[in-house]
N, C-alpha and C. Protein backbone atom coordinates (compact mmCIF):
# COMPACT_ATOMS: atom_id res chain seq x y z
N MET A 1 86.38 -2.30 95.41
CA MET A 1 86.86 -2.42 96.58
C MET A 1 85.86 -2.20 98.20
N LYS A 2 85.64 -2.79 99.03
CA LYS A 2 85.22 -2.66 100.30
C LYS A 2 86.02 -2.33 101.33
N LEU A 3 86.31 -1.12 101.91
CA LEU A 3 87.07 -1.26 102.96
C LEU A 3 86.31 -0.47 104.59
N LEU A 4 86.77 -0.86 105.71
CA LEU A 4 86.37 -0.65 107.03
C LEU A 4 87.50 0.16 107.25
N ASP A 5 87.07 1.41 107.98
CA ASP A 5 87.73 2.47 108.56
C ASP A 5 87.25 2.37 110.03
N VAL A 6 88.15 1.86 110.88
CA VAL A 6 88.14 1.58 112.32
C VAL A 6 88.37 2.92 113.00
N ALA A 7 87.78 3.70 114.48
CA ALA A 7 88.33 4.84 114.76
C ALA A 7 87.74 5.51 113.82
N THR A 8 87.14 5.75 112.96
CA THR A 8 86.65 6.70 111.90
C THR A 8 86.97 7.98 112.10
N GLY A 9 86.97 8.80 113.61
CA GLY A 9 86.28 9.62 113.69
C GLY A 9 85.51 10.38 113.31
N THR A 10 85.98 11.62 112.58
CA THR A 10 85.22 12.71 111.54
C THR A 10 85.03 12.35 110.38
N ALA A 11 85.99 10.89 110.40
CA ALA A 11 85.92 10.13 108.87
C ALA A 11 86.81 10.95 107.69
N ASP A 12 87.72 11.61 108.16
CA ASP A 12 88.17 11.98 106.88
C ASP A 12 89.24 11.38 106.18
N VAL A 13 89.72 10.20 107.27
CA VAL A 13 90.53 9.13 106.01
C VAL A 13 89.54 8.45 105.05
N ALA A 14 88.48 8.07 105.75
CA ALA A 14 87.49 7.51 105.02
C ALA A 14 87.17 8.51 103.53
N ILE A 15 87.20 10.14 103.70
CA ILE A 15 87.04 10.52 102.69
C ILE A 15 88.09 10.55 101.35
N SER A 16 89.35 10.91 102.62
CA SER A 16 90.16 10.74 101.67
C SER A 16 90.49 9.60 100.16
N LEU A 17 90.40 8.64 101.32
CA LEU A 17 90.59 7.10 100.53
C LEU A 17 89.47 7.51 99.07
N VAL A 18 88.35 7.57 99.38
CA VAL A 18 87.20 7.86 98.39
C VAL A 18 87.76 8.83 97.32
N GLU A 19 88.04 9.35 97.74
CA GLU A 19 88.14 10.75 96.65
C GLU A 19 89.84 10.53 96.07
N LYS A 20 90.44 10.25 96.41
CA LYS A 20 91.79 9.42 95.57
C LYS A 20 91.82 8.03 95.08
N LYS A 21 91.03 7.51 95.33
CA LYS A 21 90.98 6.49 94.75
C LYS A 21 89.55 5.46 94.16
N PRO A 22 89.57 5.76 92.89
CA PRO A 22 88.06 5.48 92.44
C PRO A 22 87.72 4.02 92.67
N ASN A 23 88.75 3.17 92.76
CA ASN A 23 88.64 1.78 92.30
C ASN A 23 88.09 1.38 93.85
N ILE A 24 87.29 2.32 95.04
CA ILE A 24 87.15 1.89 96.16
C ILE A 24 85.48 2.52 96.26
N GLN A 25 84.32 0.86 95.91
CA GLN A 25 83.44 1.18 96.01
C GLN A 25 82.70 1.63 97.25
N SER A 26 83.61 1.06 98.29
CA SER A 26 82.53 1.91 99.60
C SER A 26 83.48 1.56 100.61
N VAL A 27 83.25 2.57 101.39
CA VAL A 27 83.90 2.44 102.71
C VAL A 27 82.86 2.70 104.05
N ILE A 28 82.88 1.73 105.21
CA ILE A 28 82.10 2.12 106.24
C ILE A 28 83.19 2.44 107.35
N GLY A 29 82.49 3.39 107.85
CA GLY A 29 83.59 4.20 108.81
C GLY A 29 82.97 3.71 110.31
N LEU A 30 83.85 3.58 111.25
CA LEU A 30 83.26 2.77 112.41
C LEU A 30 84.08 3.63 113.64
N ASP A 31 83.13 3.90 114.43
CA ASP A 31 83.44 4.69 115.83
C ASP A 31 82.49 4.82 116.84
N MET A 32 83.13 4.33 118.26
CA MET A 32 82.10 4.81 119.47
C MET A 32 81.73 5.65 119.32
N ALA A 33 82.25 7.06 118.59
CA ALA A 33 81.89 8.58 119.15
C ALA A 33 80.46 9.25 118.39
N ALA A 34 79.44 9.32 118.70
CA ALA A 34 78.63 9.30 118.32
C ALA A 34 78.73 10.66 117.61
N GLU A 35 79.06 11.80 118.30
CA GLU A 35 79.59 13.24 117.89
C GLU A 35 80.62 13.53 116.64
N MET A 36 81.44 12.60 117.23
CA MET A 36 82.44 12.55 115.89
C MET A 36 81.97 12.01 114.70
N LEU A 37 81.20 10.99 114.61
CA LEU A 37 80.30 10.80 113.64
C LEU A 37 79.26 11.54 113.05
N LYS A 38 78.86 12.54 113.76
CA LYS A 38 78.01 13.13 113.57
C LYS A 38 78.70 14.87 112.61
N ILE A 39 79.60 14.74 112.87
CA ILE A 39 80.80 15.82 112.56
C ILE A 39 81.48 15.34 111.04
N GLY A 40 81.37 14.02 111.03
CA GLY A 40 81.98 13.15 109.63
C GLY A 40 80.88 13.16 108.70
N GLN A 41 79.44 13.13 109.35
CA GLN A 41 78.97 12.82 108.19
C GLN A 41 78.06 14.03 107.56
N ALA A 42 78.48 15.41 108.24
CA ALA A 42 77.93 16.51 107.53
C ALA A 42 79.59 17.03 106.86
N LYS A 43 80.44 16.16 106.74
CA LYS A 43 81.48 16.40 105.98
C LYS A 43 81.13 15.53 104.79
N ILE A 44 80.71 14.16 105.05
CA ILE A 44 80.53 13.30 104.02
C ILE A 44 79.53 14.12 102.94
N ASP A 45 78.21 14.71 103.66
CA ASP A 45 77.44 15.13 102.47
C ASP A 45 77.45 16.22 101.91
N LYS A 46 78.73 17.43 102.67
CA LYS A 46 78.78 18.52 102.01
C LYS A 46 79.56 18.29 100.67
N LYS A 47 80.24 16.68 100.88
CA LYS A 47 81.37 16.51 99.32
C LYS A 47 80.45 15.44 98.59
N GLY A 48 79.47 15.18 99.02
CA GLY A 48 78.28 14.74 98.00
C GLY A 48 78.63 13.03 98.14
N LEU A 49 79.50 12.70 98.67
CA LEU A 49 79.99 11.28 99.07
C LEU A 49 79.19 10.14 99.73
N SER A 50 77.83 10.59 100.02
CA SER A 50 77.31 9.53 101.19
C SER A 50 77.32 8.30 100.28
N SER A 51 77.17 8.19 98.94
CA SER A 51 76.67 6.84 98.27
C SER A 51 77.66 6.30 98.71
N LYS A 52 79.58 6.56 98.89
CA LYS A 52 80.18 5.56 98.82
C LYS A 52 80.67 5.63 100.63
N ILE A 53 80.27 6.37 101.34
CA ILE A 53 80.73 6.52 102.92
C ILE A 53 79.89 6.26 103.68
N THR A 54 79.50 5.20 104.08
CA THR A 54 78.57 4.93 105.52
C THR A 54 79.03 4.91 107.04
N LEU A 55 78.50 5.95 107.65
CA LEU A 55 79.33 5.66 109.32
C LEU A 55 78.06 4.87 110.30
N GLN A 56 78.86 4.07 111.18
CA GLN A 56 77.88 3.47 112.10
C GLN A 56 79.08 3.41 113.53
N GLU A 57 77.93 3.73 114.34
CA GLU A 57 78.33 3.27 115.88
C GLU A 57 78.91 2.18 116.09
N GLY A 58 79.91 1.78 116.53
CA GLY A 58 80.38 0.46 116.81
C GLY A 58 81.60 0.45 118.08
N ASP A 59 81.92 -0.43 118.32
CA ASP A 59 83.44 -0.30 119.44
C ASP A 59 84.39 -1.33 118.44
N ALA A 60 85.62 -1.15 118.15
CA ALA A 60 86.57 -1.14 117.68
C ALA A 60 86.87 -2.68 117.98
N GLN A 61 86.86 -2.83 119.22
CA GLN A 61 87.07 -4.53 119.49
C GLN A 61 85.83 -5.43 119.72
N LYS A 62 84.94 -4.97 119.26
CA LYS A 62 84.08 -6.24 118.96
C LYS A 62 83.21 -5.18 117.54
N LEU A 63 83.69 -5.76 116.63
CA LEU A 63 83.33 -5.59 115.29
C LEU A 63 82.15 -6.50 115.11
N PRO A 64 81.23 -5.83 114.52
CA PRO A 64 79.93 -5.53 113.88
C PRO A 64 79.58 -6.35 112.76
N PHE A 65 80.69 -7.08 112.13
CA PHE A 65 80.76 -7.51 111.31
C PHE A 65 81.07 -9.20 110.75
N MET A 66 80.81 -9.68 109.85
CA MET A 66 80.90 -11.41 109.55
C MET A 66 82.24 -11.28 108.98
N ASP A 67 83.51 -12.31 109.14
CA ASP A 67 84.27 -12.46 108.44
C ASP A 67 84.30 -12.19 107.08
N ASN A 68 85.40 -11.70 106.61
CA ASN A 68 85.50 -11.62 105.21
C ASN A 68 84.62 -10.74 104.32
N SER A 69 84.18 -9.25 105.16
CA SER A 69 83.21 -8.75 104.78
C SER A 69 83.96 -7.79 103.78
N PHE A 70 85.23 -7.13 104.50
CA PHE A 70 85.87 -6.45 103.35
C PHE A 70 87.11 -6.91 102.81
N ASP A 71 87.29 -6.00 101.75
CA ASP A 71 88.94 -6.42 100.99
C ASP A 71 90.39 -5.98 101.78
N GLY A 72 89.71 -4.58 102.81
CA GLY A 72 90.64 -4.08 103.14
C GLY A 72 90.33 -3.58 104.84
N ILE A 73 91.45 -2.90 105.28
CA ILE A 73 90.86 -2.03 106.80
C ILE A 73 92.03 -1.00 107.00
N THR A 74 91.47 0.04 107.35
CA THR A 74 92.37 1.06 107.88
C THR A 74 92.07 1.49 109.37
N MET A 75 93.07 1.94 110.14
CA MET A 75 92.92 2.47 111.61
C MET A 75 93.84 3.60 111.83
N SER A 76 93.40 4.90 111.44
CA SER A 76 94.71 5.85 111.44
C SER A 76 94.64 6.42 112.77
N TYR A 77 93.98 6.53 113.45
CA TYR A 77 94.15 7.10 114.90
C TYR A 77 92.99 6.31 115.88
N HIS A 78 93.05 5.94 116.55
CA HIS A 78 93.02 5.36 118.01
C HIS A 78 93.71 5.61 119.07
N TYR A 79 92.56 6.04 119.99
CA TYR A 79 93.39 6.12 121.50
C TYR A 79 92.53 4.87 122.57
N PRO A 80 93.32 4.09 122.77
CA PRO A 80 92.81 3.14 123.71
C PRO A 80 92.04 3.74 124.91
N PHE A 81 90.73 3.09 125.22
CA PHE A 81 89.98 3.39 126.41
C PHE A 81 90.66 3.14 127.90
N LYS A 82 91.10 1.69 127.80
CA LYS A 82 92.12 0.80 128.66
C LYS A 82 93.06 1.56 129.64
N ILE A 83 92.64 1.76 130.59
CA ILE A 83 93.84 2.68 131.36
C ILE A 83 94.74 1.49 132.27
N SER A 84 95.96 1.22 132.01
CA SER A 84 96.38 0.40 133.15
C SER A 84 97.17 1.00 133.59
N LYS A 85 97.89 0.32 134.56
CA LYS A 85 98.71 1.23 135.41
C LYS A 85 100.08 1.05 135.41
N SER A 86 100.74 2.34 135.38
CA SER A 86 102.43 1.99 134.90
C SER A 86 103.08 1.04 135.57
N PRO A 87 104.38 0.31 135.25
CA PRO A 87 105.00 -0.18 136.03
C PRO A 87 105.79 0.77 137.39
N LYS A 88 106.30 0.59 138.41
CA LYS A 88 107.31 1.27 139.37
C LYS A 88 108.33 1.17 138.84
N ILE A 89 108.89 2.55 138.69
CA ILE A 89 110.37 2.48 138.68
C ILE A 89 111.12 3.03 139.76
């Protein structure tokens, strides 16, 4: 099973999935925040999971993957960057 973890941040969800589900062959963690990905990569390396988890910088609104590239996706933590005006009350 190949998964995409959108807005992966420090890769906590990707790590947890790989540790708890042996049928997961690979996870690609995508996030816009390079500093978060660096922290995540350190966690992945420390746990010896770099053969199963790959982190990639990218935009969740412009996914850089072909259709049908994954068996499933996750997105646990995402804070949209678009700020809109609140309606006047």
